[in-house]
Amino acid sequence: MTGGKGSDGAEMSFWDHLEELRGNIFRSLLAVTVCAVVAFCFKKVLFDFIVLAPLSPSFISYRLLGIDLRMELINIEVSAQFFVHLRTAAAAGLILAFPYVVYELWAFISPALYRNEKAAVGKAFALASVLFYVGILVGYFIVLPLCLNFFVDYRVSDLVANTVSLTSYISLFMSLVLMIGLVFEFPTVVLVLSALSLIDRGTLRKYRRHAIVAVLCVSAVITPADPLSMIVLAVPLYLLYEFSFLLCRRHKAETDD
């Protein structure tokens, strides 16, 4: 990596870098805010067709998995629905603006890279958005429905009925879908570190057994205490580790050439 240069080719000082970073962060936050405002305005689409869709027995995942889910939400706080609307719109803004946020991060980092590093790291950043959205889809269509099915049917006693609040559902929704999307960025991180010669395929091979334990731990943290959903998430996460190995190996071969 180099110290970084401005658009005119001159070396940038620490304060120049700081000013550049401030601009990148501001533009990223502006993009997220604009997308969040758009999502906030389309409340019916956001909630009825996306966020609350997994509550319907006809949700595609339940039909494919043969699950009969019966679940209704209640609201027990005066202001909860408004603040849920705000939180959900903000999360939707981040999801929609994610490719632009990645672009701004790339724009800040790329001037500090050598030419051979720039090509490989550029591929990693291009892959970042794809992996993020794949993770979002896995969380939304697979892990979330399985978790809901497990918890709706689980009871410590027949005397206790499951009455789920809106805020509880939204918290579960956000933690699962967003966290899985972010965890799916692991191959991107590996590809960047490989491009910078910080790790290689031998490192990933050496720690493969440790990775299995780490994957199970991460899955247990992201998902609730449901063994099935934990395993369902652990499988794609471990496949991501193997995918990272292939990416690292391919880049290593290119470097050796």
C-alpha atoms as a PDB file:
ATOM      1  CA  MET A   1       0.000   0.000   0.000  1.00  0.00           C
ATOM      2  CA  THR A   2       1.112   3.565  -0.653  1.00  0.00           C
ATOM      3  CA  GLY A   3       0.452   6.729   1.284  1.00  0.00           C
ATOM      4  CA  GLY A   4      -2.293   7.778  -1.126  1.00  0.00           C
ATOM      5  CA  LYS A   5      -2.507  10.581  -3.662  1.00  0.00           C
ATOM      6  CA  GLY A   6      -5.130  13.138  -4.521  1.00  0.00           C
ATOM      7  CA  SER A   7      -6.805  13.563  -7.900  1.00  0.00           C
ATOM      8  CA  ASP A   8      -3.959  15.848  -9.005  1.00  0.00           C
ATOM      9  CA  GLY A   9      -1.346  13.195  -8.207  1.00  0.00           C
ATOM     10  CA  ALA A  10       0.100  15.034  -5.181  1.00  0.00           C
ATOM     11  CA  GLU A  11       0.804  13.165  -1.957  1.00  0.00           C
ATOM     12  CA  MET A  12      -1.960  13.628   0.622  1.00  0.00           C
ATOM     13  CA  SER A  13      -1.239  14.513   4.256  1.00  0.00           C
ATOM     14  CA  PHE A  14      -2.975  12.943   7.259  1.00  0.00           C
ATOM     15  CA  TRP A  15      -5.426  15.855   7.422  1.00  0.00           C
ATOM     16  CA  ASP A  16      -6.138  15.517   3.692  1.00  0.00           C
ATOM     17  CA  HIS A  17      -6.988  11.857   4.266  1.00  0.00           C
ATOM     18  CA  LEU A  18      -9.201  12.811   7.196  1.00  0.00           C
ATOM     19  CA  GLU A  19     -11.028  15.379   5.092  1.00  0.00           C
ATOM     20  CA  GLU A  20     -11.452  12.839   2.305  1.00  0.00           C
ATOM     21  CA  LEU A  21     -12.844  10.296   4.790  1.00  0.00           C
ATOM     22  CA  ARG A  22     -15.278  12.864   6.140  1.00  0.00           C
ATOM     23  CA  GLY A  23     -16.605  13.405   2.634  1.00  0.00           C
ATOM     24  CA  ASN A  24     -16.966   9.656   2.022  1.00  0.00           C
ATOM     25  CA  ILE A  25     -18.830   9.171   5.308  1.00  0.00           C
ATOM     26  CA  PHE A  26     -21.094  12.165   4.644  1.00  0.00           C
ATOM     27  CA  ARG A  27     -22.046  10.955   1.159  1.00  0.00           C
ATOM     28  CA  SER A  28     -22.652   7.432   2.473  1.00  0.00           C
ATOM     29  CA  LEU A  29     -24.903   8.692   5.268  1.00  0.00           C
ATOM     30  CA  LEU A  30     -26.732  10.926   2.802  1.00  0.00           C
ATOM     31  CA  ALA A  31     -27.390   7.971   0.493  1.00  0.00           C
ATOM     32  CA  VAL A  32     -28.656   5.843   3.401  1.00  0.00           C
ATOM     33  CA  THR A  33     -30.871   8.704   4.586  1.00  0.00           C
ATOM     34  CA  VAL A  34     -32.388   9.262   1.132  1.00  0.00           C
ATOM     35  CA  CYS A  35     -33.127   5.547   0.744  1.00  0.00           C
ATOM     36  CA  ALA A  36     -34.542   5.436   4.285  1.00  0.00           C
ATOM     37  CA  VAL A  37     -36.892   8.347   3.530  1.00  0.00           C
ATOM     38  CA  VAL A  38     -38.100   6.566   0.388  1.00  0.00           C
ATOM     39  CA  ALA A  39     -38.674   3.369   2.372  1.00  0.00           C
ATOM     40  CA  PHE A  40     -40.471   5.358   5.100  1.00  0.00           C
ATOM     41  CA  CYS A  41     -42.863   6.833   2.523  1.00  0.00           C
ATOM     42  CA  PHE A  42     -43.752   3.398   1.120  1.00  0.00           C
ATOM     43  CA  LYS A  43     -44.964   2.023   4.454  1.00  0.00           C
ATOM     44  CA  LYS A  44     -47.488  -0.444   3.043  1.00  0.00           C
ATOM     45  CA  VAL A  45     -44.988  -2.007   0.646  1.00  0.00           C
ATOM     46  CA  LEU A  46     -42.269  -2.102   3.301  1.00  0.00           C
ATOM     47  CA  PHE A  47     -44.364  -3.812   5.961  1.00  0.00           C
ATOM     48  CA  ASP A  48     -47.227  -5.669   4.264  1.00  0.00           C
ATOM     49  CA  PHE A  49     -45.185  -7.101   1.393  1.00  0.00           C
ATOM     50  CA  ILE A  50     -41.714  -7.450   2.926  1.00  0.00           C
ATOM     51  CA  VAL A  51     -41.227  -7.223   6.705  1.00  0.00           C
ATOM     52  CA  LEU A  52     -44.508  -8.826   7.786  1.00  0.00           C
ATOM     53  CA  ALA A  53     -44.783 -11.247   4.862  1.00  0.00           C
ATOM     54  CA  PRO A  54     -43.147 -14.121   6.841  1.00  0.00           C
ATOM     55  CA  LEU A  55     -46.155 -14.011   9.205  1.00  0.00           C
ATOM     56  CA  SER A  56     -48.477 -15.226   6.463  1.00  0.00           C
ATOM     57  CA  PRO A  57     -49.109 -19.012   6.215  1.00  0.00           C
ATOM     58  CA  SER A  58     -48.870 -18.639   2.423  1.00  0.00           C
ATOM     59  CA  PHE A  59     -45.281 -17.311   2.594  1.00  0.00           C
ATOM     60  CA  ILE A  60     -43.262 -19.162  -0.064  1.00  0.00           C
ATOM     61  CA  SER A  61     -40.794 -20.662   2.415  1.00  0.00           C
ATOM     62  CA  TYR A  62     -43.594 -22.272   4.447  1.00  0.00           C
ATOM     63  CA  ARG A  63     -45.147 -23.764   1.334  1.00  0.00           C
ATOM     64  CA  LEU A  64     -41.828 -25.228   0.203  1.00  0.00           C
ATOM     65  CA  LEU A  65     -40.934 -26.548   3.684  1.00  0.00           C
ATOM     66  CA  GLY A  66     -44.424 -27.784   4.509  1.00  0.00           C
ATOM     67  CA  ILE A  67     -44.757 -25.483   7.542  1.00  0.00           C
ATOM     68  CA  ASP A  68     -48.126 -24.307   8.824  1.00  0.00           C
ATOM     69  CA  LEU A  69     -47.332 -21.112  10.748  1.00  0.00           C
ATOM     70  CA  ARG A  70     -50.053 -19.340  12.730  1.00  0.00           C
ATOM     71  CA  MET A  71     -48.753 -16.134  14.273  1.00  0.00           C
ATOM     72  CA  GLU A  72     -50.242 -12.732  15.025  1.00  0.00           C
ATOM     73  CA  LEU A  73     -48.570  -9.613  16.370  1.00  0.00           C
ATOM     74  CA  ILE A  74     -49.832  -7.187  18.965  1.00  0.00           C
ATOM     75  CA  ASN A  75     -48.700  -3.709  19.968  1.00  0.00           C
ATOM     76  CA  ILE A  76     -48.510  -2.931  23.700  1.00  0.00           C
ATOM     77  CA  GLU A  77     -46.834   0.497  23.655  1.00  0.00           C
ATOM     78  CA  VAL A  78     -48.358   3.780  22.526  1.00  0.00           C
ATOM     79  CA  SER A  79     -45.402   4.961  20.415  1.00  0.00           C
ATOM     80  CA  ALA A  80     -44.003   1.556  19.407  1.00  0.00           C
ATOM     81  CA  GLN A  81     -45.481   1.429  15.912  1.00  0.00           C
ATOM     82  CA  PHE A  82     -44.040   4.800  14.946  1.00  0.00           C
ATOM     83  CA  PHE A  83     -40.551   3.988  16.203  1.00  0.00           C
ATOM     84  CA  VAL A  84     -40.695   0.545  14.595  1.00  0.00           C
ATOM     85  CA  HIS A  85     -41.512   2.332  11.355  1.00  0.00           C
ATOM     86  CA  LEU A  86     -38.452   4.565  11.793  1.00  0.00           C
ATOM     87  CA  ARG A  87     -36.105   1.681  12.681  1.00  0.00           C
ATOM     88  CA  THR A  88     -37.308  -0.460   9.803  1.00  0.00           C
ATOM     89  CA  ALA A  89     -37.028   2.371   7.286  1.00  0.00           C
ATOM     90  CA  ALA A  90     -33.478   3.078   8.482  1.00  0.00           C
ATOM     91  CA  ALA A  91     -32.523  -0.590   8.062  1.00  0.00           C
ATOM     92  CA  ALA A  92     -34.119  -0.632   4.604  1.00  0.00           C
ATOM     93  CA  GLY A  93     -32.148   2.502   3.730  1.00  0.00           C
ATOM     94  CA  LEU A  94     -28.895   0.772   4.679  1.00  0.00           C
ATOM     95  CA  ILE A  95     -29.795  -2.304   2.645  1.00  0.00           C
ATOM     96  CA  LEU A  96     -30.763  -0.283  -0.425  1.00  0.00           C
ATOM     97  CA  ALA A  97     -27.746   2.029  -0.220  1.00  0.00           C
ATOM     98  CA  PHE A  98     -25.230  -0.711   0.598  1.00  0.00           C
ATOM     99  CA  PRO A  99     -23.636  -0.842  -2.906  1.00  0.00           C
ATOM    100  CA  TYR A 100     -23.068   2.907  -2.796  1.00  0.00           C
ATOM    101  CA  VAL A 101     -21.578   2.708   0.710  1.00  0.00           C
ATOM    102  CA  VAL A 102     -19.192   0.023  -0.574  1.00  0.00           C
ATOM    103  CA  TYR A 103     -18.308   2.283  -3.508  1.00  0.00           C
ATOM    104  CA  GLU A 104     -17.479   5.173  -1.162  1.00  0.00           C
ATOM    105  CA  LEU A 105     -15.287   2.881   0.929  1.00  0.00           C
ATOM    106  CA  TRP A 106     -13.512   1.754  -2.237  1.00  0.00           C
ATOM    107  CA  ALA A 107     -13.058   5.362  -3.364  1.00  0.00           C
ATOM    108  CA  PHE A 108     -11.328   6.145  -0.073  1.00  0.00           C
ATOM    109  CA  ILE A 109      -9.061   3.073  -0.021  1.00  0.00           C
ATOM    110  CA  SER A 110      -8.118   2.712  -3.705  1.00  0.00           C
ATOM    111  CA  PRO A 111      -5.688   5.675  -3.945  1.00  0.00           C
ATOM    112  CA  ALA A 112      -3.504   4.023  -1.261  1.00  0.00           C
ATOM    113  CA  LEU A 113      -3.136   0.753  -3.213  1.00  0.00           C
ATOM    114  CA  TYR A 114      -0.477  -0.315  -5.673  1.00  0.00           C
ATOM    115  CA  ARG A 115      -1.627  -1.183  -9.175  1.00  0.00           C
ATOM    116  CA  ASN A 116      -1.453  -4.971  -8.646  1.00  0.00           C
ATOM    117  CA  GLU A 117      -3.316  -4.648  -5.328  1.00  0.00           C
ATOM    118  CA  LYS A 118      -5.987  -2.408  -6.821  1.00  0.00           C
ATOM    119  CA  ALA A 119      -7.202  -5.021  -9.310  1.00  0.00           C
ATOM    120  CA  ALA A 120      -7.654  -7.775  -6.713  1.00  0.00           C
ATOM    121  CA  VAL A 121      -9.144  -5.517  -4.033  1.00  0.00           C
ATOM    122  CA  GLY A 122     -11.480  -4.039  -6.662  1.00  0.00           C
ATOM    123  CA  LYS A 123     -12.829  -7.525  -7.358  1.00  0.00           C
ATOM    124  CA  ALA A 124     -13.411  -8.009  -3.641  1.00  0.00           C
ATOM    125  CA  PHE A 125     -15.382  -4.781  -3.356  1.00  0.00           C
ATOM    126  CA  ALA A 126     -17.403  -5.696  -6.448  1.00  0.00           C
ATOM    127  CA  LEU A 127     -18.236  -9.015  -4.785  1.00  0.00           C
ATOM    128  CA  ALA A 128     -19.215  -7.370  -1.478  1.00  0.00           C
ATOM    129  CA  SER A 129     -22.690  -6.231  -2.525  1.00  0.00           C
ATOM    130  CA  VAL A 130     -23.540  -9.583  -4.129  1.00  0.00           C
ATOM    131  CA  LEU A 131     -22.592 -11.498  -0.982  1.00  0.00           C
ATOM    132  CA  PHE A 132     -24.458  -9.046   1.247  1.00  0.00           C
ATOM    133  CA  TYR A 133     -27.696  -9.501  -0.689  1.00  0.00           C
ATOM    134  CA  VAL A 134     -27.251 -13.271  -0.822  1.00  0.00           C
ATOM    135  CA  GLY A 135     -26.916 -13.230   2.971  1.00  0.00           C
ATOM    136  CA  ILE A 136     -30.042 -11.071   3.269  1.00  0.00           C
ATOM    137  CA  LEU A 137     -31.988 -13.576   1.145  1.00  0.00           C
ATOM    138  CA  VAL A 138     -30.717 -16.560   3.156  1.00  0.00           C
ATOM    139  CA  GLY A 139     -31.734 -14.882   6.401  1.00  0.00           C
ATOM    140  CA  TYR A 140     -35.118 -13.766   5.068  1.00  0.00           C
ATOM    141  CA  PHE A 141     -36.254 -16.887   3.234  1.00  0.00           C
ATOM    142  CA  ILE A 142     -34.585 -19.673   5.244  1.00  0.00           C
ATOM    143  CA  VAL A 143     -33.318 -18.820   8.716  1.00  0.00           C
ATOM    144  CA  LEU A 144     -36.079 -16.404   9.817  1.00  0.00           C
ATOM    145  CA  PRO A 145     -39.001 -18.721   8.854  1.00  0.00           C
ATOM    146  CA  LEU A 146     -37.376 -21.663  10.653  1.00  0.00           C
ATOM    147  CA  CYS A 147     -36.795 -19.573  13.782  1.00  0.00           C
ATOM    148  CA  LEU A 148     -40.367 -18.280  13.778  1.00  0.00           C
ATOM    149  CA  ASN A 149     -41.744 -21.788  13.352  1.00  0.00           C
ATOM    150  CA  PHE A 150     -39.648 -23.079  16.254  1.00  0.00           C
ATOM    151  CA  PHE A 151     -40.512 -20.321  18.714  1.00  0.00           C
ATOM    152  CA  VAL A 152     -44.209 -20.057  17.893  1.00  0.00           C
ATOM    153  CA  ASP A 153     -44.680 -23.762  18.661  1.00  0.00           C
ATOM    154  CA  TYR A 154     -42.381 -23.822  21.700  1.00  0.00           C
ATOM    155  CA  ARG A 155     -44.051 -23.599  25.116  1.00  0.00           C
ATOM    156  CA  VAL A 156     -42.822 -24.239  28.640  1.00  0.00           C
ATOM    157  CA  SER A 157     -46.420 -25.085  29.557  1.00  0.00           C
ATOM    158  CA  ASP A 158     -49.827 -25.316  27.890  1.00  0.00           C
ATOM    159  CA  LEU A 159     -50.959 -22.701  30.399  1.00  0.00           C
ATOM    160  CA  VAL A 160     -48.750 -20.077  28.731  1.00  0.00           C
ATOM    161  CA  ALA A 161     -49.823 -18.817  25.303  1.00  0.00           C
ATOM    162  CA  ASN A 162     -47.371 -17.191  22.889  1.00  0.00           C
ATOM    163  CA  THR A 163     -48.460 -13.619  22.271  1.00  0.00           C
ATOM    164  CA  VAL A 164     -45.770 -11.864  20.262  1.00  0.00           C
ATOM    165  CA  SER A 165     -45.278  -8.107  20.345  1.00  0.00           C
ATOM    166  CA  LEU A 166     -44.439  -6.056  17.277  1.00  0.00           C
ATOM    167  CA  THR A 167     -41.153  -4.807  18.756  1.00  0.00           C
ATOM    168  CA  SER A 168     -40.071  -8.364  19.607  1.00  0.00           C
ATOM    169  CA  TYR A 169     -40.676  -9.539  16.050  1.00  0.00           C
ATOM    170  CA  ILE A 170     -38.885  -6.562  14.499  1.00  0.00           C
ATOM    171  CA  SER A 171     -35.871  -7.071  16.774  1.00  0.00           C
ATOM    172  CA  LEU A 172     -35.636 -10.718  15.713  1.00  0.00           C
ATOM    173  CA  PHE A 173     -36.116  -9.765  12.059  1.00  0.00           C
ATOM    174  CA  MET A 174     -33.384  -7.103  12.128  1.00  0.00           C
ATOM    175  CA  SER A 175     -30.849  -9.157  14.076  1.00  0.00           C
ATOM    176  CA  LEU A 176     -31.211 -12.178  11.825  1.00  0.00           C
ATOM    177  CA  VAL A 177     -31.511 -10.655   8.363  1.00  0.00           C
ATOM    178  CA  LEU A 178     -28.978  -7.834   8.750  1.00  0.00           C
ATOM    179  CA  MET A 179     -26.435  -9.822  10.745  1.00  0.00           C
ATOM    180  CA  ILE A 180     -26.479 -12.702   8.265  1.00  0.00           C
ATOM    181  CA  GLY A 181     -26.021 -10.239   5.420  1.00  0.00           C
ATOM    182  CA  LEU A 182     -22.962  -8.772   7.138  1.00  0.00           C
ATOM    183  CA  VAL A 183     -21.498 -12.183   8.060  1.00  0.00           C
ATOM    184  CA  PHE A 184     -21.672 -13.176   4.398  1.00  0.00           C
ATOM    185  CA  GLU A 185     -19.016 -10.521   3.754  1.00  0.00           C
ATOM    186  CA  PHE A 186     -16.332 -12.885   5.076  1.00  0.00           C
ATOM    187  CA  PRO A 187     -15.043 -13.886   1.590  1.00  0.00           C
ATOM    188  CA  THR A 188     -14.688 -10.189   0.761  1.00  0.00           C
ATOM    189  CA  VAL A 189     -12.471  -9.648   3.808  1.00  0.00           C
ATOM    190  CA  VAL A 190     -10.391 -12.717   2.934  1.00  0.00           C
ATOM    191  CA  LEU A 191      -9.930 -11.588  -0.663  1.00  0.00           C
ATOM    192  CA  VAL A 192      -8.799  -8.129   0.451  1.00  0.00           C
ATOM    193  CA  LEU A 193      -6.322  -9.564   2.972  1.00  0.00           C
ATOM    194  CA  SER A 194      -5.046 -11.970   0.342  1.00  0.00           C
ATOM    195  CA  ALA A 195      -4.574  -9.132  -2.145  1.00  0.00           C
ATOM    196  CA  LEU A 196      -2.532  -7.276   0.452  1.00  0.00           C
ATOM    197  CA  SER A 197      -0.437 -10.440   1.063  1.00  0.00           C
ATOM    198  CA  LEU A 198      -1.558 -10.600   4.701  1.00  0.00           C
ATOM    199  CA  ILE A 199      -2.932 -14.150   4.415  1.00  0.00           C
ATOM    200  CA  ASP A 200      -2.677 -16.940   1.884  1.00  0.00           C
ATOM    201  CA  ARG A 201      -4.365 -20.274   1.183  1.00  0.00           C
ATOM    202  CA  GLY A 202      -2.013 -22.014   3.624  1.00  0.00           C
ATOM    203  CA  THR A 203      -3.381 -19.899   6.462  1.00  0.00           C
ATOM    204  CA  LEU A 204      -6.974 -20.877   5.699  1.00  0.00           C
ATOM    205  CA  ARG A 205      -6.006 -24.530   5.313  1.00  0.00           C
ATOM    206  CA  LYS A 206      -4.197 -24.500   8.646  1.00  0.00           C
ATOM    207  CA  TYR A 207      -7.177 -23.095  10.536  1.00  0.00           C
ATOM    208  CA  ARG A 208      -9.923 -25.082   8.793  1.00  0.00           C
ATOM    209  CA  ARG A 209     -10.805 -27.066  11.949  1.00  0.00           C
ATOM    210  CA  HIS A 210     -10.839 -23.880  13.984  1.00  0.00           C
ATOM    211  CA  ALA A 211     -13.129 -22.353  11.352  1.00  0.00           C
ATOM    212  CA  ILE A 212     -15.720 -25.107  11.906  1.00  0.00           C
ATOM    213  CA  VAL A 213     -15.875 -24.263  15.610  1.00  0.00           C
ATOM    214  CA  ALA A 214     -15.985 -20.520  14.850  1.00  0.00           C
ATOM    215  CA  VAL A 215     -18.812 -21.019  12.335  1.00  0.00           C
ATOM    216  CA  LEU A 216     -20.887 -22.929  14.889  1.00  0.00           C
ATOM    217  CA  CYS A 217     -20.259 -20.234  17.495  1.00  0.00           C
ATOM    218  CA  VAL A 218     -21.208 -17.428  15.108  1.00  0.00           C
ATOM    219  CA  SER A 219     -24.341 -19.305  14.057  1.00  0.00           C
ATOM    220  CA  ALA A 220     -25.307 -19.840  17.694  1.00  0.00           C
ATOM    221  CA  VAL A 221     -24.877 -16.120  18.435  1.00  0.00           C
ATOM    222  CA  ILE A 222     -26.825 -14.890  15.386  1.00  0.00           C
ATOM    223  CA  THR A 223     -29.698 -17.350  15.624  1.00  0.00           C
ATOM    224  CA  PRO A 224     -31.764 -17.876  18.764  1.00  0.00           C
ATOM    225  CA  ALA A 225     -31.429 -21.078  20.788  1.00  0.00           C
ATOM    226  CA  ASP A 226     -32.806 -23.191  17.967  1.00  0.00           C
ATOM    227  CA  PRO A 227     -30.511 -26.086  16.928  1.00  0.00           C
ATOM    228  CA  LEU A 228     -32.132 -26.457  13.509  1.00  0.00           C
ATOM    229  CA  SER A 229     -31.758 -22.809  12.468  1.00  0.00           C
ATOM    230  CA  MET A 230     -28.216 -22.786  13.864  1.00  0.00           C
ATOM    231  CA  ILE A 231     -27.242 -25.744  11.678  1.00  0.00           C
ATOM    232  CA  VAL A 232     -29.084 -24.304   8.676  1.00  0.00           C
ATOM    233  CA  LEU A 233     -27.023 -21.116   8.996  1.00  0.00           C
ATOM    234  CA  ALA A 234     -23.766 -22.914   9.825  1.00  0.00           C
ATOM    235  CA  VAL A 235     -23.791 -24.857   6.542  1.00  0.00           C
ATOM    236  CA  PRO A 236     -23.704 -21.816   4.183  1.00  0.00           C
ATOM    237  CA  LEU A 237     -21.243 -20.048   6.491  1.00  0.00           C
ATOM    238  CA  TYR A 238     -18.810 -22.950   6.261  1.00  0.00           C
ATOM    239  CA  LEU A 239     -19.321 -23.065   2.486  1.00  0.00           C
ATOM    240  CA  LEU A 240     -18.368 -19.384   2.485  1.00  0.00           C
ATOM    241  CA  TYR A 241     -15.137 -20.343   4.238  1.00  0.00           C
ATOM    242  CA  GLU A 242     -14.375 -22.880   1.505  1.00  0.00           C
ATOM    243  CA  PHE A 243     -15.337 -20.294  -1.120  1.00  0.00           C
ATOM    244  CA  SER A 244     -12.905 -17.889   0.540  1.00  0.00           C
ATOM    245  CA  PHE A 245     -10.221 -20.566   0.290  1.00  0.00           C
ATOM    246  CA  LEU A 246     -10.805 -20.846  -3.464  1.00  0.00           C
ATOM    247  CA  LEU A 247     -10.687 -17.072  -3.908  1.00  0.00           C
ATOM    248  CA  CYS A 248      -7.500 -16.808  -1.901  1.00  0.00           C
ATOM    249  CA  ARG A 249      -5.918 -19.681  -3.812  1.00  0.00           C
ATOM    250  CA  ARG A 250      -6.852 -18.239  -7.208  1.00  0.00           C
ATOM    251  CA  HIS A 251      -5.403 -14.852  -6.292  1.00  0.00           C
ATOM    252  CA  LYS A 252      -2.254 -16.521  -4.971  1.00  0.00           C
ATOM    253  CA  ALA A 253      -1.792 -18.346  -8.259  1.00  0.00           C
ATOM    254  CA  GLU A 254      -2.196 -15.115 -10.190  1.00  0.00           C
ATOM    255  CA  THR A 255       0.378 -13.444  -7.940  1.00  0.00           C
ATOM    256  CA  ASP A 256       2.837 -16.300  -8.359  1.00  0.00           C
ATOM    257  CA  ASP A 257       2.573 -15.993 -12.117  1.00  0.00           C
END
